[in-house]
Amino acid sequence: MAREHIHATKLAILNATERLVAANGFEATSLRAITAAARVNLAAVNYHFATKDALILAMLNRRMKPLNEARLALLDGFEKEAGEKPVRIEKILEALFRPVVELIAQPAKGGRNFLRLLALCLAAPGAFLKPLVQQEFAEKNRRFHRALRRSLPQLSDVEVHWRLHFAQGAFFHAVAHSQVLEFSSSGRCRLTNCETVLQRIIKFCAAGLRSPT
C-alpha cells in the first residue's frame, strides 16, 4: 500500500507539472502551483525530485525518452529490412514522424501538451535543460542524419543537416498549428486523420530532401 501511494503521489506531481508548464511555461510555473494542482505538500515534491529543475527534467524525460526510443526502433527496423541498401527517404521520415503523430493522438499520454513542451525546450532551453536537448534532440538527430547521408550521397554532410532541420520544422509547424490550416482553408483541410496527415507531410518533406542543390 505504501509503495502504491508513493507511485500515485509521484504520478500526480508529474501530471500537474506537465499541464501547468504546457500552459504557462517553465518560469511562470511555481512549485506552489504544482503542489496545489497535484494536491500534495512541498515535502512530497522535495522527496521525489529534490528541486524544481529536476522535477521538470523528469517530466520531460517521461515523454521524450520513450518517444525517441520508438523513433530509433522504427529506423532500426527499416534499416534491417533494407539490408545493405540505403533506407528509402520516406521510411526515414516515417520513423522520425510517426511516433510523434501517434503520441499527439493520445490525450491520456500527454499528447495535447507534448508539442507545447517541445516548443518550450527548443525555443528557450535553460542551462538545466542543456543535457536533455543534447541527448534527446541533438544526439538522436545525428542518427537520422547518418541514415539520410546514406540515402542522399549526392548531398554534402552540411546540406543534409540543413534539410533535416527544415523537414522537422515543416512537420512540427503542420501539427502544432492545425487551427491555422483549418481556418485559412475554411474548414476544408483538417488534421483529423493521423495516417493521412503523416503521408502528406512525408511526401512533402521527401521532395524537399531530394531537391537539387
Protein backbone atom coordinates (compact mmCIF):
# COMPACT_ATOMS: atom_id res chain seq x y z
CA MET A 1 0.00 0.00 0.00
CA ALA A 2 2.82 2.43 0.87
CA ARG A 3 4.53 1.84 -2.47
CA GLU A 4 1.27 2.35 -4.35
CA HIS A 5 0.77 5.63 -2.50
CA ILE A 6 4.29 6.80 -3.38
CA HIS A 7 3.74 5.92 -7.03
CA ALA A 8 0.39 7.73 -7.12
CA THR A 9 1.88 10.82 -5.48
CA LYS A 10 4.80 10.96 -7.89
CA LEU A 11 2.48 10.48 -10.86
CA ALA A 12 0.17 13.24 -9.64
CA ILE A 13 3.11 15.63 -9.34
CA LEU A 14 4.38 14.80 -12.84
CA ASN A 15 0.92 15.17 -14.38
CA ALA A 16 0.31 18.50 -12.67
CA THR A 17 3.72 19.80 -13.74
CA GLU A 18 3.09 18.75 -17.32
CA ARG A 19 -0.26 20.55 -17.50
CA LEU A 20 0.97 23.73 -15.85
CA VAL A 21 4.25 24.03 -17.75
CA ALA A 22 2.49 23.40 -21.07
CA ALA A 23 0.02 26.17 -20.24
CA ASN A 24 2.31 28.72 -18.57
CA GLY A 25 5.94 27.93 -19.37
CA PHE A 26 8.87 26.95 -17.17
CA GLU A 27 9.46 30.21 -15.31
CA ALA A 28 5.81 31.05 -14.65
CA THR A 29 5.09 27.63 -13.14
CA SER A 30 5.82 27.72 -9.42
CA LEU A 31 6.22 24.82 -7.02
CA ARG A 32 3.30 26.24 -5.07
CA ALA A 33 1.07 25.98 -8.14
CA ILE A 34 2.28 22.43 -8.80
CA THR A 35 1.63 21.25 -5.27
CA ALA A 36 -1.84 22.82 -5.31
CA ALA A 37 -2.74 21.18 -8.63
CA ALA A 38 -1.34 17.81 -7.53
CA ARG A 39 -2.93 18.13 -4.07
CA VAL A 40 0.33 17.32 -2.31
CA ASN A 41 2.62 19.25 0.01
CA LEU A 42 6.04 20.68 -0.81
CA ALA A 43 7.75 17.92 1.16
CA ALA A 44 6.42 15.36 -1.33
CA VAL A 45 7.95 17.26 -4.25
CA ASN A 46 11.28 17.57 -2.43
CA TYR A 47 11.24 13.88 -1.53
CA HIS A 48 10.63 12.64 -5.08
CA PHE A 49 12.52 15.25 -7.12
CA ALA A 50 14.62 17.42 -4.75
CA THR A 51 14.40 20.57 -6.94
CA LYS A 52 12.07 22.22 -9.43
CA ASP A 53 14.66 21.82 -12.21
CA ALA A 54 14.94 18.08 -11.51
CA LEU A 55 11.15 17.78 -11.49
CA ILE A 56 10.84 19.47 -14.89
CA LEU A 57 13.58 17.27 -16.35
CA ALA A 58 11.82 14.17 -15.05
CA MET A 59 8.53 15.37 -16.52
CA LEU A 60 10.07 16.00 -19.94
CA ASN A 61 12.05 12.76 -19.99
CA ARG A 62 8.89 10.81 -19.20
CA ARG A 63 7.52 11.67 -22.66
CA MET A 64 10.58 12.37 -24.76
CA LYS A 65 12.77 9.40 -23.92
CA PRO A 66 10.14 6.75 -24.91
CA LEU A 67 9.25 8.84 -27.96
CA ASN A 68 12.83 8.90 -29.23
CA GLU A 69 13.28 5.22 -28.42
CA ALA A 70 10.23 4.47 -30.58
CA ARG A 71 11.65 6.57 -33.43
CA LEU A 72 15.01 4.81 -33.31
CA ALA A 73 13.36 1.39 -33.08
CA LEU A 74 11.41 2.13 -36.27
CA LEU A 75 14.55 3.30 -38.03
CA ASP A 76 16.43 0.19 -36.89
CA GLY A 77 13.63 -1.96 -38.28
CA PHE A 78 13.64 -0.18 -41.64
CA GLU A 79 17.43 -0.48 -41.88
CA LYS A 80 17.20 -4.19 -41.15
CA GLU A 81 14.61 -4.59 -43.92
CA ALA A 82 16.80 -2.64 -46.36
CA GLY A 83 19.84 -4.82 -45.69
CA GLU A 84 22.89 -3.45 -47.47
CA LYS A 85 20.85 -0.84 -49.35
CA PRO A 86 20.12 2.67 -48.06
CA VAL A 87 16.73 3.13 -46.48
CA ARG A 88 14.19 4.98 -48.63
CA ILE A 89 13.75 8.63 -47.68
CA GLU A 90 10.05 8.06 -46.99
CA LYS A 91 10.84 5.34 -44.47
CA ILE A 92 13.37 7.51 -42.63
CA LEU A 93 10.79 10.28 -42.38
CA GLU A 94 8.16 7.83 -41.21
CA ALA A 95 10.45 6.70 -38.39
CA LEU A 96 11.03 10.34 -37.48
CA PHE A 97 7.40 11.49 -37.62
CA ARG A 98 5.08 8.57 -36.88
CA PRO A 99 5.73 8.24 -33.12
CA VAL A 100 5.06 11.97 -32.70
CA VAL A 101 1.77 11.83 -34.63
CA GLU A 102 0.67 8.78 -32.65
CA LEU A 103 1.55 10.46 -29.35
CA ILE A 104 -0.38 13.62 -30.24
CA ALA A 105 -3.44 11.46 -30.94
CA GLN A 106 -3.38 10.07 -27.38
CA PRO A 107 -4.51 12.68 -24.83
CA ALA A 108 -4.10 10.17 -21.99
CA LYS A 109 -0.35 10.07 -22.71
CA GLY A 110 0.08 13.82 -22.72
CA GLY A 111 -0.35 14.24 -26.45
CA ARG A 112 -2.17 17.56 -26.13
CA ASN A 113 0.68 19.04 -24.10
CA PHE A 114 3.60 17.47 -25.93
CA LEU A 115 4.03 19.98 -28.75
CA ARG A 116 3.90 22.91 -26.36
CA LEU A 117 6.53 21.30 -24.13
CA LEU A 118 8.70 20.50 -27.13
CA ALA A 119 8.50 24.09 -28.36
CA LEU A 120 9.48 25.37 -24.91
CA CYS A 121 12.52 23.09 -24.81
CA LEU A 122 13.76 24.18 -28.22
CA ALA A 123 12.85 27.87 -28.03
CA ALA A 124 14.28 28.71 -24.63
CA PRO A 125 16.35 25.86 -23.23
CA GLY A 126 17.67 26.95 -19.85
CA ALA A 127 21.03 25.73 -18.63
CA PHE A 128 19.38 22.89 -16.72
CA LEU A 129 17.76 21.65 -19.96
CA LYS A 130 21.00 21.55 -21.93
CA PRO A 131 21.71 17.83 -21.25
CA LEU A 132 18.18 16.93 -22.35
CA VAL A 133 18.44 18.96 -25.57
CA GLN A 134 21.84 17.47 -26.36
CA GLN A 135 20.89 13.86 -25.66
CA GLU A 136 17.25 13.63 -26.68
CA PHE A 137 17.38 16.00 -29.64
CA ALA A 138 20.87 16.62 -30.99
CA GLU A 139 22.22 13.11 -30.41
CA LYS A 140 19.13 11.40 -31.81
CA ASN A 141 19.16 13.75 -34.82
CA ARG A 142 22.66 12.53 -35.67
CA ARG A 143 21.27 9.02 -36.05
CA PHE A 144 18.73 10.18 -38.62
CA HIS A 145 21.34 12.36 -40.27
CA ARG A 146 23.56 9.33 -40.84
CA ALA A 147 20.67 7.42 -42.41
CA LEU A 148 19.86 10.32 -44.72
CA ARG A 149 23.50 10.67 -45.74
CA ARG A 150 23.44 7.09 -47.00
CA SER A 151 20.23 7.72 -48.91
CA LEU A 152 21.34 11.10 -50.31
CA PRO A 153 25.01 10.57 -51.25
CA GLN A 154 24.85 13.47 -53.71
CA LEU A 155 24.42 15.93 -50.87
CA SER A 156 27.12 17.22 -48.54
CA ASP A 157 27.13 16.47 -44.85
CA VAL A 158 26.22 20.08 -44.05
CA GLU A 159 23.42 20.17 -46.63
CA VAL A 160 21.79 17.10 -45.10
CA HIS A 161 21.89 18.75 -41.67
CA TRP A 162 20.08 21.79 -43.09
CA ARG A 163 17.46 19.76 -44.93
CA LEU A 164 16.75 17.54 -41.94
CA HIS A 165 16.29 20.67 -39.84
CA PHE A 166 13.90 22.16 -42.41
CA ALA A 167 11.90 18.92 -42.68
CA GLN A 168 11.42 18.74 -38.92
CA GLY A 169 10.44 22.40 -38.84
CA ALA A 170 7.79 21.87 -41.52
CA PHE A 171 6.44 18.83 -39.68
CA PHE A 172 6.17 20.47 -36.28
CA HIS A 173 4.58 23.59 -37.75
CA ALA A 174 2.00 21.46 -39.56
CA VAL A 175 0.92 19.52 -36.50
CA ALA A 176 1.28 22.34 -33.96
CA HIS A 177 -0.68 24.95 -35.91
CA SER A 178 -3.51 22.87 -37.31
CA GLN A 179 -6.06 25.57 -36.43
CA VAL A 180 -4.40 28.00 -38.86
CA LEU A 181 -4.79 25.44 -41.63
CA GLU A 182 -8.42 24.79 -40.74
CA PHE A 183 -9.34 28.48 -40.61
CA SER A 184 -7.44 29.51 -43.75
CA SER A 185 -9.00 26.66 -45.76
CA SER A 186 -12.49 27.42 -44.44
CA GLY A 187 -12.61 24.02 -42.83
CA ARG A 188 -11.72 22.05 -45.98
CA CYS A 189 -8.36 20.94 -44.54
CA ARG A 190 -8.33 19.32 -41.12
CA LEU A 191 -5.81 17.24 -39.21
CA THR A 192 -8.34 14.63 -38.17
CA ASN A 193 -6.84 11.51 -39.72
CA CYS A 194 -3.35 10.78 -38.42
CA GLU A 195 -2.42 8.46 -41.28
CA THR A 196 -3.49 10.96 -43.94
CA VAL A 197 -1.54 13.76 -42.27
CA LEU A 198 1.51 11.53 -41.94
CA GLN A 199 1.51 10.55 -45.61
CA ARG A 200 1.04 14.15 -46.76
CA ILE A 201 3.91 15.54 -44.70
CA ILE A 202 6.22 12.64 -45.60
CA LYS A 203 5.58 13.18 -49.32
CA PHE A 204 6.20 16.92 -48.98
CA CYS A 205 9.41 16.59 -46.95
CA ALA A 206 10.79 13.78 -49.12
CA ALA A 207 10.51 16.02 -52.18
CA GLY A 208 12.43 18.75 -50.36
CA LEU A 209 15.14 16.37 -49.24
CA ARG A 210 15.59 15.10 -52.80
CA SER A 211 15.53 18.51 -54.46
CA PRO A 212 18.64 19.59 -56.42
CA THR A 213 21.24 21.66 -54.60
